């Protein structure tokens, strides 16, 4: 699961149209994809920002298109 570096899901949604800021966590290869659906969370004990949330992010050409 990716760790999103945003204070809240609302802030993540405000960044639609921009590249994703994240931390890769997988030991088995990169989870980040330029195109497709990414699933992740903000983990405040790791990022030291904001509150915990989970989200699905639709990416196209490295740009956030949709957040659910």
Protein backbone atom coordinates (compact mmCIF):
# COMPACT_ATOMS: atom_id res chain seq x y z
CA UNK A 1 0.00 0.00 0.00
CA UNK A 2 1.29 3.45 -0.88
CA UNK A 3 1.50 6.13 1.78
CA UNK A 4 0.02 9.41 0.58
CA UNK A 5 1.75 12.52 1.95
CA UNK A 6 -1.30 14.76 2.41
CA UNK A 7 -2.90 16.12 5.60
CA UNK A 8 -6.34 14.80 4.70
CA UNK A 9 -8.36 13.19 1.93
CA UNK A 10 -9.77 16.64 1.23
CA UNK A 11 -6.25 17.97 0.58
CA UNK A 12 -5.57 14.99 -1.70
CA UNK A 13 -8.74 15.81 -3.68
CA UNK A 14 -7.58 19.45 -3.96
CA UNK A 15 -4.50 18.15 -5.79
CA UNK A 16 -6.43 16.62 -8.70
CA UNK A 17 -4.56 17.59 -11.86
CA UNK A 18 -1.14 17.41 -10.16
CA UNK A 19 1.40 14.60 -9.64
CA UNK A 20 0.94 12.36 -6.60
CA UNK A 21 3.17 12.85 -3.54
CA UNK A 22 3.69 9.44 -1.92
CA UNK A 23 6.03 7.02 -0.16
CA UNK A 24 6.58 3.59 -1.69
CA UNK A 25 6.28 0.78 0.90
CA UNK A 26 6.39 -2.51 -1.04
CA UNK A 27 9.32 -4.87 -0.63
CA UNK A 28 8.29 -6.68 -3.82
CA UNK A 29 8.61 -3.91 -6.40
CA UNK A 30 7.01 -0.55 -7.01
CA UNK A 31 3.26 -0.22 -6.51
CA UNK A 32 3.09 3.23 -8.11
CA UNK A 33 1.79 3.27 -11.69
CA UNK A 34 1.57 6.21 -14.08
CA UNK A 35 -1.82 4.93 -15.27
CA UNK A 36 -4.46 3.05 -13.33
CA UNK A 37 -5.92 2.77 -9.86
CA UNK A 38 -3.72 3.19 -6.78
CA UNK A 39 -4.78 2.38 -3.23
CA UNK A 40 -3.12 3.98 -0.24
CA UNK A 41 -3.37 5.78 3.06
CA UNK A 42 -1.84 8.58 5.07
CA UNK A 43 -0.11 7.14 8.12
CA UNK A 44 0.60 10.09 10.47
CA UNK A 45 3.05 8.09 12.57
CA UNK A 46 5.20 7.77 9.43
CA UNK A 47 4.57 11.07 7.60
CA UNK A 48 4.16 13.24 10.72
CA UNK A 49 1.41 15.20 8.96
CA UNK A 50 -2.36 15.30 9.21
CA UNK A 51 -4.68 12.48 10.10
CA UNK A 52 -5.11 8.91 8.95
CA UNK A 53 -7.24 8.27 5.86
CA UNK A 54 -7.52 5.70 3.10
CA UNK A 55 -8.16 6.49 -0.57
CA UNK A 56 -8.25 5.12 -4.11
CA UNK A 57 -6.59 7.38 -6.67
CA UNK A 58 -7.09 7.13 -10.42
CA UNK A 59 -3.95 8.17 -12.31
CA UNK A 60 -3.45 9.09 -15.97
CA UNK A 61 0.01 9.88 -17.33
CA UNK A 62 1.31 10.49 -13.77
CA UNK A 63 -1.46 12.99 -12.92
CA UNK A 64 -4.22 12.54 -10.32
CA UNK A 65 -7.53 12.28 -12.18
CA UNK A 66 -9.93 11.16 -9.45
CA UNK A 67 -9.92 10.45 -5.70
CA UNK A 68 -12.41 8.14 -3.98
